[in-house]
């Protein structure tokens, strides 16, 4: 009975430790490969050949914050809203902006007007700027209420809970300035 207990204990240890040792042996020359997705490894190795390229890529200052590209478009009858966003690719490889989603909020009144997102991934060439149209629907009743409350000027729009996925890397921003609807409401 003791021999069976010892044999089962050794088998249990081998089942747990064996795969861990195997993975460490496979990645012994590249332990960063265990924690970094291959997309980041590919981007960083193509953009800069020195050993600090991974840390430079992970530094948020490498990826510039998206900015407003022109005026947002708002259709008062349907509530359709389009927000052109300029995204710059500072890398020497093509990147894909896979997801952008955010809530549009009036900072003055702290009321959420609606949501925006992109419908399909967008590829941006190395060193280029890409204009991405994030679209959504704003609640016309809420927009009209704020328009009446603020004498036609809905200033200080913000994007809240902004989630962006670029080349498999997720970025989150609590709040970004989004301009105003003043010129859109007439």
N, C-alpha and C. Protein backbone atom coordinates (compact mmCIF):
# COMPACT_ATOMS: atom_id res chain seq x y z
N UNK A 1 0.82 -1.19 0.00
CA UNK A 1 0.00 0.00 0.00
C UNK A 1 0.87 1.26 0.00
N UNK A 2 1.94 1.24 0.79
CA UNK A 2 2.83 2.40 0.84
C UNK A 2 3.51 2.62 -0.50
N UNK A 3 3.87 1.51 -1.16
CA UNK A 3 4.53 1.65 -2.47
C UNK A 3 3.56 2.29 -3.48
N UNK A 4 2.31 1.95 -3.43
CA UNK A 4 1.32 2.53 -4.33
C UNK A 4 1.15 4.02 -4.03
N UNK A 5 1.12 4.39 -2.76
CA UNK A 5 0.98 5.78 -2.35
C UNK A 5 2.18 6.61 -2.85
N UNK A 6 3.37 6.07 -2.71
CA UNK A 6 4.58 6.76 -3.16
C UNK A 6 4.58 6.89 -4.69
N UNK A 7 4.18 5.83 -5.39
CA UNK A 7 4.13 5.86 -6.85
C UNK A 7 3.13 6.90 -7.33
N UNK A 8 1.96 6.96 -6.72
CA UNK A 8 0.95 7.95 -7.11
C UNK A 8 1.40 9.37 -6.79
N UNK A 9 2.10 9.56 -5.69
CA UNK A 9 2.63 10.88 -5.34
C UNK A 9 3.66 11.32 -6.36
N UNK A 10 4.56 10.41 -6.76
CA UNK A 10 5.58 10.74 -7.76
C UNK A 10 4.95 11.04 -9.12
N UNK A 11 3.92 10.30 -9.49
CA UNK A 11 3.22 10.56 -10.75
C UNK A 11 2.55 11.93 -10.70
N UNK A 12 1.92 12.27 -9.57
CA UNK A 12 1.27 13.58 -9.43
C UNK A 12 2.29 14.71 -9.55
N UNK A 13 3.43 14.56 -8.94
CA UNK A 13 4.49 15.58 -9.03
C UNK A 13 4.98 15.70 -10.47
N UNK A 14 5.16 14.58 -11.13
CA UNK A 14 5.62 14.60 -12.52
C UNK A 14 4.60 15.26 -13.44
N UNK A 15 3.32 15.05 -13.18
CA UNK A 15 2.26 15.66 -13.99
C UNK A 15 2.27 17.18 -13.85
N UNK A 16 2.55 17.68 -12.66
CA UNK A 16 2.56 19.13 -12.42
C UNK A 16 3.88 19.76 -12.86
N UNK A 17 4.99 19.18 -12.46
CA UNK A 17 6.30 19.77 -12.70
C UNK A 17 6.77 19.53 -14.14
N UNK A 18 6.43 18.41 -14.73
CA UNK A 18 6.91 18.06 -16.07
C UNK A 18 6.58 19.12 -17.12
N UNK A 19 5.32 19.51 -17.28
CA UNK A 19 5.00 20.53 -18.28
C UNK A 19 5.68 21.88 -18.00
N UNK A 20 5.79 22.26 -16.72
CA UNK A 20 6.46 23.52 -16.39
C UNK A 20 7.93 23.50 -16.81
N UNK A 21 8.59 22.40 -16.54
CA UNK A 21 10.00 22.27 -16.94
C UNK A 21 10.10 22.25 -18.46
N UNK A 22 9.16 21.58 -19.12
CA UNK A 22 9.16 21.53 -20.58
C UNK A 22 9.01 22.91 -21.20
N UNK A 23 8.10 23.72 -20.67
CA UNK A 23 7.89 25.07 -21.19
C UNK A 23 9.14 25.92 -20.95
N UNK A 24 9.73 25.81 -19.78
CA UNK A 24 10.95 26.57 -19.49
C UNK A 24 12.09 26.16 -20.42
N UNK A 25 12.17 24.88 -20.74
CA UNK A 25 13.21 24.44 -21.67
C UNK A 25 12.96 24.96 -23.09
N UNK A 26 11.71 24.96 -23.51
CA UNK A 26 11.39 25.45 -24.84
C UNK A 26 11.69 26.95 -24.95
N UNK A 27 11.37 27.72 -23.92
CA UNK A 27 11.56 29.17 -23.94
C UNK A 27 12.84 29.62 -23.24
N UNK A 28 13.80 28.74 -23.02
CA UNK A 28 14.99 29.11 -22.25
C UNK A 28 15.77 30.26 -22.88
N UNK A 29 15.72 30.42 -24.21
CA UNK A 29 16.42 31.52 -24.86
C UNK A 29 15.54 32.75 -25.03
N UNK A 30 14.26 32.63 -24.72
CA UNK A 30 13.33 33.73 -24.91
C UNK A 30 12.25 33.69 -23.83
N UNK A 31 12.61 33.99 -22.59
CA UNK A 31 11.64 33.94 -21.50
C UNK A 31 10.58 35.03 -21.63
N UNK A 32 10.90 36.14 -22.34
CA UNK A 32 9.89 37.18 -22.57
C UNK A 32 8.75 36.63 -23.42
N UNK A 33 9.01 35.62 -24.23
CA UNK A 33 7.98 35.02 -25.07
C UNK A 33 6.89 34.35 -24.25
N UNK A 34 7.15 34.05 -22.99
CA UNK A 34 6.14 33.46 -22.13
C UNK A 34 5.06 34.47 -21.73
N UNK A 35 5.42 35.75 -21.63
CA UNK A 35 4.48 36.75 -21.13
C UNK A 35 4.03 37.76 -22.17
N UNK A 36 4.79 37.98 -23.23
CA UNK A 36 4.41 38.95 -24.26
C UNK A 36 3.74 38.25 -25.43
N UNK A 37 2.62 38.80 -25.90
CA UNK A 37 1.99 38.21 -27.08
C UNK A 37 2.91 38.34 -28.30
N UNK A 38 2.77 37.44 -29.26
CA UNK A 38 3.64 37.48 -30.44
C UNK A 38 3.50 38.77 -31.24
N UNK A 39 2.31 39.41 -31.20
CA UNK A 39 2.12 40.66 -31.95
C UNK A 39 3.08 41.73 -31.45
N UNK A 40 3.22 41.84 -30.14
CA UNK A 40 4.11 42.85 -29.58
C UNK A 40 5.55 42.51 -29.89
N UNK A 41 5.89 41.24 -29.81
CA UNK A 41 7.25 40.84 -30.13
C UNK A 41 7.58 41.18 -31.58
N UNK A 42 6.62 40.89 -32.50
CA UNK A 42 6.84 41.20 -33.91
C UNK A 42 6.97 42.69 -34.14
N UNK A 43 6.09 43.48 -33.54
CA UNK A 43 6.15 44.93 -33.72
C UNK A 43 7.46 45.49 -33.18
N UNK A 44 7.84 45.05 -31.99
CA UNK A 44 9.04 45.62 -31.39
C UNK A 44 10.30 45.16 -32.10
N UNK A 45 10.34 43.93 -32.58
CA UNK A 45 11.56 43.47 -33.25
C UNK A 45 11.70 44.10 -34.63
N UNK A 46 10.57 44.43 -35.27
CA UNK A 46 10.65 45.09 -36.57
C UNK A 46 10.94 46.58 -36.45
N UNK A 47 10.53 47.20 -35.34
CA UNK A 47 10.68 48.64 -35.23
C UNK A 47 12.04 49.04 -34.71
N UNK A 48 12.69 48.19 -33.94
CA UNK A 48 13.96 48.58 -33.35
C UNK A 48 14.69 47.30 -32.96
N UNK A 49 15.92 47.15 -33.37
CA UNK A 49 16.62 45.88 -33.15
C UNK A 49 17.36 45.81 -31.82
N UNK A 50 17.38 46.90 -31.02
CA UNK A 50 18.12 46.81 -29.76
C UNK A 50 17.27 46.13 -28.70
N UNK A 51 17.89 45.78 -27.58
CA UNK A 51 17.23 44.98 -26.56
C UNK A 51 16.16 45.74 -25.81
N UNK A 52 16.16 47.06 -25.88
CA UNK A 52 15.16 47.83 -25.15
C UNK A 52 13.91 48.12 -25.98
N UNK A 53 13.80 47.54 -27.16
CA UNK A 53 12.68 47.86 -28.05
C UNK A 53 11.34 47.43 -27.45
N UNK A 54 11.30 46.32 -26.72
CA UNK A 54 10.04 45.88 -26.12
C UNK A 54 9.59 46.89 -25.08
N UNK A 55 10.51 47.36 -24.24
CA UNK A 55 10.12 48.33 -23.23
C UNK A 55 9.75 49.66 -23.86
N UNK A 56 10.38 50.03 -24.98
CA UNK A 56 10.01 51.27 -25.66
C UNK A 56 8.61 51.15 -26.24
N UNK A 57 8.25 49.97 -26.77
CA UNK A 57 6.92 49.80 -27.34
C UNK A 57 5.85 49.84 -26.25
N UNK A 58 6.14 49.22 -25.12
CA UNK A 58 5.16 49.18 -24.06
C UNK A 58 4.98 50.53 -23.39
N UNK A 59 5.93 51.44 -23.54
CA UNK A 59 5.79 52.78 -22.99
C UNK A 59 4.69 53.49 -23.77
N UNK A 60 3.69 54.00 -23.07
CA UNK A 60 2.53 54.59 -23.73
C UNK A 60 2.92 55.81 -24.55
N UNK A 61 4.06 56.44 -24.26
CA UNK A 61 4.45 57.63 -25.02
C UNK A 61 4.82 57.29 -26.46
N UNK A 62 5.13 56.04 -26.74
CA UNK A 62 5.44 55.64 -28.11
C UNK A 62 4.19 55.75 -28.97
N UNK A 63 3.06 55.26 -28.46
CA UNK A 63 1.79 55.38 -29.17
C UNK A 63 1.15 56.71 -28.78
N UNK A 64 0.93 57.56 -29.75
CA UNK A 64 0.36 58.87 -29.48
C UNK A 64 -1.13 58.75 -29.22
N UNK A 65 -1.64 59.62 -28.37
CA UNK A 65 -3.07 59.63 -28.10
C UNK A 65 -3.83 60.00 -29.37
N UNK A 66 -4.95 59.34 -29.61
CA UNK A 66 -5.77 59.73 -30.76
C UNK A 66 -6.30 61.14 -30.56
N UNK A 67 -6.47 61.88 -31.66
CA UNK A 67 -6.97 63.26 -31.58
C UNK A 67 -8.16 63.43 -32.52
N UNK A 68 -8.96 64.47 -32.26
CA UNK A 68 -10.08 64.79 -33.12
C UNK A 68 -9.57 65.27 -34.46
N UNK A 69 -10.11 64.74 -35.54
CA UNK A 69 -9.71 65.14 -36.89
C UNK A 69 -10.88 65.85 -37.55
N UNK A 70 -10.96 67.14 -37.39
CA UNK A 70 -12.09 67.88 -37.93
C UNK A 70 -13.24 67.89 -36.95
N UNK A 71 -14.41 68.26 -37.46
CA UNK A 71 -15.60 68.38 -36.62
C UNK A 71 -16.40 67.09 -36.60
N UNK A 72 -16.98 66.75 -35.45
CA UNK A 72 -17.89 65.61 -35.42
C UNK A 72 -19.14 65.92 -36.24
N UNK A 73 -19.81 64.89 -36.72
CA UNK A 73 -21.04 65.05 -37.48
C UNK A 73 -22.20 64.52 -36.65
N UNK A 74 -23.27 65.31 -36.57
CA UNK A 74 -24.45 64.89 -35.82
C UNK A 74 -25.70 65.19 -36.64
N UNK A 75 -26.55 64.18 -36.83
CA UNK A 75 -27.82 64.34 -37.52
C UNK A 75 -28.91 64.45 -36.47
N UNK A 76 -29.52 65.63 -36.36
CA UNK A 76 -30.52 65.88 -35.31
C UNK A 76 -31.77 65.01 -35.46
N UNK A 77 -32.12 64.64 -36.69
CA UNK A 77 -33.34 63.86 -36.90
C UNK A 77 -33.15 62.39 -36.47
N UNK A 78 -32.03 61.80 -36.83
CA UNK A 78 -31.83 60.37 -36.56
C UNK A 78 -30.99 60.10 -35.31
N UNK A 79 -30.23 61.10 -34.87
CA UNK A 79 -29.33 60.91 -33.73
C UNK A 79 -27.99 60.30 -34.13
N UNK A 80 -27.79 60.06 -35.45
CA UNK A 80 -26.52 59.48 -35.91
C UNK A 80 -25.37 60.44 -35.61
N UNK A 81 -24.31 59.89 -35.10
CA UNK A 81 -23.15 60.68 -34.70
C UNK A 81 -21.91 60.02 -35.26
N UNK A 82 -21.04 60.82 -35.87
CA UNK A 82 -19.79 60.32 -36.41
C UNK A 82 -18.67 61.18 -35.86
N UNK A 83 -17.65 60.54 -35.37
CA UNK A 83 -16.55 61.23 -34.71
C UNK A 83 -15.25 60.85 -35.41
N UNK A 84 -14.68 61.75 -36.25
CA UNK A 84 -13.43 61.41 -36.94
C UNK A 84 -12.23 61.51 -35.99
N UNK A 85 -11.48 60.43 -35.91
CA UNK A 85 -10.34 60.36 -34.99
C UNK A 85 -9.08 60.15 -35.81
N UNK A 86 -8.06 60.95 -35.53
CA UNK A 86 -6.76 60.82 -36.19
C UNK A 86 -5.88 59.94 -35.31
N UNK A 87 -5.40 58.85 -35.88
CA UNK A 87 -4.52 57.94 -35.14
C UNK A 87 -3.20 57.86 -35.91
N UNK A 88 -2.10 58.13 -35.24
CA UNK A 88 -0.78 58.13 -35.88
C UNK A 88 -0.06 56.83 -35.54
N UNK A 89 0.51 56.19 -36.56
CA UNK A 89 1.30 54.99 -36.37
C UNK A 89 2.78 55.39 -36.34
N UNK A 90 3.40 55.42 -35.15
CA UNK A 90 4.80 55.84 -35.06
C UNK A 90 5.79 54.71 -35.35
N UNK A 91 5.28 53.51 -35.59
CA UNK A 91 6.15 52.35 -35.76
C UNK A 91 6.55 52.18 -37.22
N UNK A 92 7.51 51.31 -37.45
CA UNK A 92 7.96 51.04 -38.82
C UNK A 92 7.28 49.79 -39.40
N UNK A 93 6.22 49.34 -38.74
CA UNK A 93 5.42 48.23 -39.25
C UNK A 93 3.96 48.65 -39.27
N UNK A 94 3.19 48.03 -40.14
CA UNK A 94 1.76 48.32 -40.21
C UNK A 94 1.09 47.86 -38.92
N UNK A 95 0.13 48.64 -38.44
CA UNK A 95 -0.64 48.23 -37.27
C UNK A 95 -2.12 48.19 -37.63
N UNK A 96 -2.85 47.48 -36.82
CA UNK A 96 -4.29 47.38 -37.02
C UNK A 96 -4.98 47.93 -35.78
N UNK A 97 -5.87 48.89 -35.98
CA UNK A 97 -6.72 49.38 -34.90
C UNK A 97 -7.95 48.50 -34.94
N UNK A 98 -8.03 47.58 -33.97
CA UNK A 98 -9.07 46.56 -34.00
C UNK A 98 -10.37 47.01 -33.35
N UNK A 99 -10.27 47.88 -32.34
CA UNK A 99 -11.48 48.28 -31.63
C UNK A 99 -11.30 49.67 -31.05
N UNK A 100 -12.33 50.47 -31.16
CA UNK A 100 -12.45 51.73 -30.41
C UNK A 100 -13.88 51.77 -29.92
N UNK A 101 -14.05 51.98 -28.64
CA UNK A 101 -15.39 52.15 -28.09
C UNK A 101 -15.31 53.16 -26.95
N UNK A 102 -16.37 53.97 -26.83
CA UNK A 102 -16.39 55.00 -25.78
C UNK A 102 -17.82 55.47 -25.56
N UNK A 103 -18.03 56.09 -24.41
CA UNK A 103 -19.29 56.76 -24.10
C UNK A 103 -19.08 58.24 -24.35
N UNK A 104 -20.07 58.92 -24.93
CA UNK A 104 -20.02 60.36 -25.13
C UNK A 104 -20.83 60.99 -24.01
N UNK A 105 -20.19 61.94 -23.34
CA UNK A 105 -20.81 62.51 -22.15
C UNK A 105 -20.67 64.03 -22.18
N UNK A 106 -21.68 64.73 -21.69
CA UNK A 106 -21.61 66.17 -21.50
C UNK A 106 -20.94 66.41 -20.15
N UNK A 107 -19.78 67.03 -20.19
CA UNK A 107 -19.05 67.26 -18.95
C UNK A 107 -19.77 68.26 -18.05
N UNK A 108 -20.47 69.24 -18.65
CA UNK A 108 -21.18 70.24 -17.86
C UNK A 108 -22.28 69.63 -17.00
N UNK A 109 -23.04 68.70 -17.58
CA UNK A 109 -24.19 68.16 -16.87
C UNK A 109 -23.97 66.73 -16.39
N UNK A 110 -22.85 66.13 -16.77
CA UNK A 110 -22.52 64.77 -16.36
C UNK A 110 -23.54 63.74 -16.88
N UNK A 111 -24.11 64.02 -18.07
CA UNK A 111 -25.11 63.13 -18.68
C UNK A 111 -24.49 62.41 -19.87
N UNK A 112 -24.70 61.09 -19.95
CA UNK A 112 -24.21 60.30 -21.08
C UNK A 112 -25.19 60.47 -22.24
N UNK A 113 -24.65 60.89 -23.39
CA UNK A 113 -25.47 61.13 -24.57
C UNK A 113 -25.59 59.91 -25.47
N UNK A 114 -24.59 59.04 -25.43
CA UNK A 114 -24.62 57.86 -26.29
C UNK A 114 -23.27 57.17 -26.30
N UNK A 115 -23.08 56.25 -27.25
CA UNK A 115 -21.85 55.48 -27.38
C UNK A 115 -21.35 55.56 -28.81
N UNK A 116 -20.04 55.41 -28.98
CA UNK A 116 -19.46 55.31 -30.31
C UNK A 116 -18.54 54.10 -30.37
N UNK A 117 -18.33 53.60 -31.59
CA UNK A 117 -17.42 52.48 -31.80
C UNK A 117 -17.07 52.43 -33.29
N UNK A 118 -16.11 51.57 -33.63
CA UNK A 118 -15.82 51.35 -35.04
C UNK A 118 -16.40 50.00 -35.43
N UNK A 119 -16.78 49.89 -36.71
CA UNK A 119 -17.46 48.67 -37.15
C UNK A 119 -16.52 47.59 -37.64
N UNK A 120 -15.30 47.97 -38.06
CA UNK A 120 -14.35 46.97 -38.54
C UNK A 120 -12.94 47.46 -38.27
N UNK A 121 -11.97 46.54 -38.16
CA UNK A 121 -10.58 46.93 -37.94
C UNK A 121 -10.04 47.79 -39.08
N UNK A 122 -9.13 48.68 -38.75
CA UNK A 122 -8.54 49.58 -39.74
C UNK A 122 -7.03 49.45 -39.66
N UNK A 123 -6.40 49.24 -40.80
CA UNK A 123 -4.95 49.11 -40.87
C UNK A 123 -4.34 50.47 -41.20
N UNK A 124 -3.22 50.78 -40.51
CA UNK A 124 -2.53 52.05 -40.74
C UNK A 124 -1.08 51.73 -41.10
N UNK A 125 -0.63 52.28 -42.21
CA UNK A 125 0.72 52.04 -42.72
C UNK A 125 1.77 52.60 -41.78
N UNK A 126 3.00 52.09 -41.87
CA UNK A 126 4.08 52.59 -41.00
C UNK A 126 4.30 54.09 -41.16
N UNK A 127 4.37 54.80 -40.03
CA UNK A 127 4.64 56.23 -40.04
C UNK A 127 3.51 57.08 -40.59
N UNK A 128 2.36 56.52 -40.84
CA UNK A 128 1.25 57.26 -41.45
C UNK A 128 0.19 57.63 -40.42
N UNK A 129 -0.67 58.56 -40.83
CA UNK A 129 -1.84 58.92 -40.05
C UNK A 129 -3.04 58.23 -40.66
N UNK A 130 -3.94 57.78 -39.83
CA UNK A 130 -5.17 57.18 -40.31
C UNK A 130 -6.36 57.89 -39.68
N UNK A 131 -7.34 58.23 -40.49
CA UNK A 131 -8.57 58.83 -39.98
C UNK A 131 -9.58 57.71 -39.79
N UNK A 132 -10.02 57.55 -38.57
CA UNK A 132 -10.95 56.50 -38.20
C UNK A 132 -12.27 57.16 -37.82
N UNK A 133 -13.35 56.76 -38.45
CA UNK A 133 -14.67 57.31 -38.12
C UNK A 133 -15.36 56.39 -37.13
N UNK A 134 -15.41 56.83 -35.89
CA UNK A 134 -16.16 56.11 -34.88
C UNK A 134 -17.60 56.62 -34.96
N UNK A 135 -18.54 55.71 -35.01
CA UNK A 135 -19.94 56.10 -35.19
C UNK A 135 -20.80 55.57 -34.06
N UNK A 136 -21.95 56.19 -33.92
CA UNK A 136 -22.89 55.76 -32.90
C UNK A 136 -24.17 56.54 -33.00
N UNK A 137 -25.02 56.37 -32.02
CA UNK A 137 -26.29 57.07 -31.96
C UNK A 137 -26.35 57.83 -30.64
N UNK A 138 -26.65 59.12 -30.74
CA UNK A 138 -26.88 59.92 -29.55
C UNK A 138 -28.38 60.00 -29.33
N UNK A 139 -28.79 60.03 -28.08
CA UNK A 139 -30.20 60.11 -27.76
C UNK A 139 -30.71 61.52 -28.08
N UNK A 140 -31.52 61.67 -29.15
CA UNK A 140 -31.98 63.01 -29.55
C UNK A 140 -32.71 63.76 -28.44
N UNK A 141 -33.50 63.06 -27.62
CA UNK A 141 -34.23 63.73 -26.54
C UNK A 141 -33.26 64.34 -25.52
N UNK A 142 -32.22 63.60 -25.19
CA UNK A 142 -31.22 64.09 -24.24
C UNK A 142 -30.45 65.26 -24.83
N UNK A 143 -30.08 65.16 -26.11
CA UNK A 143 -29.36 66.24 -26.78
C UNK A 143 -30.22 67.51 -26.80
N UNK A 144 -31.51 67.37 -27.13
CA UNK A 144 -32.41 68.53 -27.16
C UNK A 144 -32.61 69.12 -25.77
N UNK A 145 -32.68 68.27 -24.76
CA UNK A 145 -32.82 68.75 -23.38
C UNK A 145 -31.60 69.58 -22.99
N UNK A 146 -30.41 69.08 -23.32
CA UNK A 146 -29.19 69.82 -23.00
C UNK A 146 -29.09 71.10 -23.84
N UNK A 147 -29.54 71.03 -25.09
CA UNK A 147 -29.53 72.21 -25.96
C UNK A 147 -30.39 73.30 -25.35
N UNK A 148 -31.59 72.96 -24.88
CA UNK A 148 -32.48 73.94 -24.23
C UNK A 148 -31.88 74.46 -22.93
N UNK A 149 -31.30 73.55 -22.16
CA UNK A 149 -30.74 73.91 -20.86
C UNK A 149 -29.55 74.85 -20.99
N UNK A 150 -28.72 74.67 -22.02
CA UNK A 150 -27.50 75.46 -22.18
C UNK A 150 -27.60 76.44 -23.35
N UNK A 151 -28.79 76.90 -23.68
CA UNK A 151 -29.02 77.91 -24.73
C UNK A 151 -28.38 77.53 -26.06
N UNK A 152 -28.51 76.28 -26.45
CA UNK A 152 -28.03 75.83 -27.76
C UNK A 152 -26.57 75.42 -27.80
N UNK A 153 -25.82 75.61 -26.74
CA UNK A 153 -24.39 75.27 -26.74
C UNK A 153 -24.13 74.08 -25.84
N UNK A 154 -23.79 72.98 -26.44
CA UNK A 154 -23.39 71.81 -25.64
C UNK A 154 -21.87 71.74 -25.76
N UNK A 155 -21.20 72.40 -24.85
CA UNK A 155 -19.74 72.45 -24.84
C UNK A 155 -19.18 71.34 -23.95
N UNK A 156 -17.92 71.18 -24.04
CA UNK A 156 -17.20 70.25 -23.16
C UNK A 156 -17.71 68.82 -23.23
N UNK A 157 -17.81 68.30 -24.42
CA UNK A 157 -18.09 66.87 -24.55
C UNK A 157 -16.82 66.10 -24.22
N UNK A 158 -16.98 64.97 -23.60
CA UNK A 158 -15.84 64.11 -23.30
C UNK A 158 -16.17 62.69 -23.72
N UNK A 159 -15.13 61.95 -24.03
CA UNK A 159 -15.26 60.51 -24.26
C UNK A 159 -14.84 59.84 -22.97
N UNK A 160 -15.70 59.01 -22.42
CA UNK A 160 -15.40 58.30 -21.18
C UNK A 160 -15.27 56.81 -21.47
N UNK A 161 -14.52 56.15 -20.60
CA UNK A 161 -14.31 54.70 -20.73
C UNK A 161 -13.90 54.34 -22.15
N UNK A 162 -12.86 55.01 -22.63
CA UNK A 162 -12.36 54.79 -23.98
C UNK A 162 -11.51 53.52 -23.98
N UNK A 163 -11.89 52.57 -24.80
CA UNK A 163 -11.15 51.32 -24.95
C UNK A 163 -10.68 51.22 -26.39
N UNK A 164 -9.37 51.06 -26.56
CA UNK A 164 -8.77 50.96 -27.89
C UNK A 164 -7.91 49.71 -27.91
N UNK A 165 -8.07 48.89 -28.94
CA UNK A 165 -7.20 47.72 -29.11
C UNK A 165 -6.41 47.94 -30.40
N UNK A 166 -5.09 48.05 -30.24
CA UNK A 166 -4.18 48.27 -31.36
C UNK A 166 -3.19 47.12 -31.38
N UNK A 167 -3.16 46.37 -32.47
CA UNK A 167 -2.23 45.25 -32.64
C UNK A 167 -2.27 44.29 -31.45
N UNK A 168 -3.46 44.04 -30.94
CA UNK A 168 -3.61 43.10 -29.83
C UNK A 168 -3.33 43.69 -28.47
N UNK A 169 -2.96 44.98 -28.40
CA UNK A 169 -2.67 45.63 -27.13
C UNK A 169 -3.86 46.50 -26.76
N UNK A 170 -4.42 46.28 -25.57
CA UNK A 170 -5.57 47.05 -25.14
C UNK A 170 -5.12 48.27 -24.35
N UNK A 171 -5.68 49.44 -24.71
CA UNK A 171 -5.43 50.67 -23.98
C UNK A 171 -6.76 51.16 -23.44
N UNK A 172 -6.74 51.73 -22.25
CA UNK A 172 -7.95 52.28 -21.65
C UNK A 172 -7.66 53.69 -21.17
N UNK A 173 -8.56 54.61 -21.49
CA UNK A 173 -8.47 55.98 -21.01
C UNK A 173 -9.77 56.30 -20.31
N UNK A 174 -9.68 56.83 -19.11
CA UNK A 174 -10.89 57.18 -18.37
C UNK A 174 -11.66 58.29 -19.05
N UNK A 175 -10.92 59.29 -19.59
CA UNK A 175 -11.60 60.44 -20.19
C UNK A 175 -10.69 61.13 -21.20
N UNK A 176 -11.26 61.50 -22.36
CA UNK A 176 -10.57 62.29 -23.38
C UNK A 176 -11.48 63.42 -23.81
N UNK A 177 -10.92 64.60 -24.09
CA UNK A 177 -11.69 65.74 -24.56
C UNK A 177 -12.28 65.41 -25.93
N UNK A 178 -13.55 65.80 -26.16
CA UNK A 178 -14.21 65.48 -27.42
C UNK A 178 -14.81 66.70 -28.11
N UNK A 179 -14.47 67.91 -27.68
CA UNK A 179 -14.97 69.09 -28.36
C UNK A 179 -16.37 69.46 -27.93
N UNK A 180 -17.18 69.97 -28.89
CA UNK A 180 -18.54 70.40 -28.56
C UNK A 180 -19.49 70.11 -29.71
N UNK A 181 -20.79 70.20 -29.41
CA UNK A 181 -21.83 70.07 -30.43
C UNK A 181 -22.37 71.44 -30.83
N UNK A 182 -21.76 72.50 -30.32
CA UNK A 182 -22.26 73.86 -30.55
C UNK A 182 -22.50 74.14 -32.02
N UNK A 183 -21.52 73.88 -32.86
CA UNK A 183 -21.65 74.21 -34.29
C UNK A 183 -22.57 73.22 -35.01
N UNK A 184 -22.90 72.11 -34.41
CA UNK A 184 -23.70 71.10 -35.10
C UNK A 184 -25.20 71.27 -34.88
N UNK A 185 -25.56 72.03 -33.85
CA UNK A 185 -26.98 72.14 -33.49
C UNK A 185 -27.66 73.33 -34.13
N UNK A 186 -26.89 74.25 -34.67
CA UNK A 186 -27.44 75.39 -35.38
C UNK A 186 -28.26 76.31 -34.60
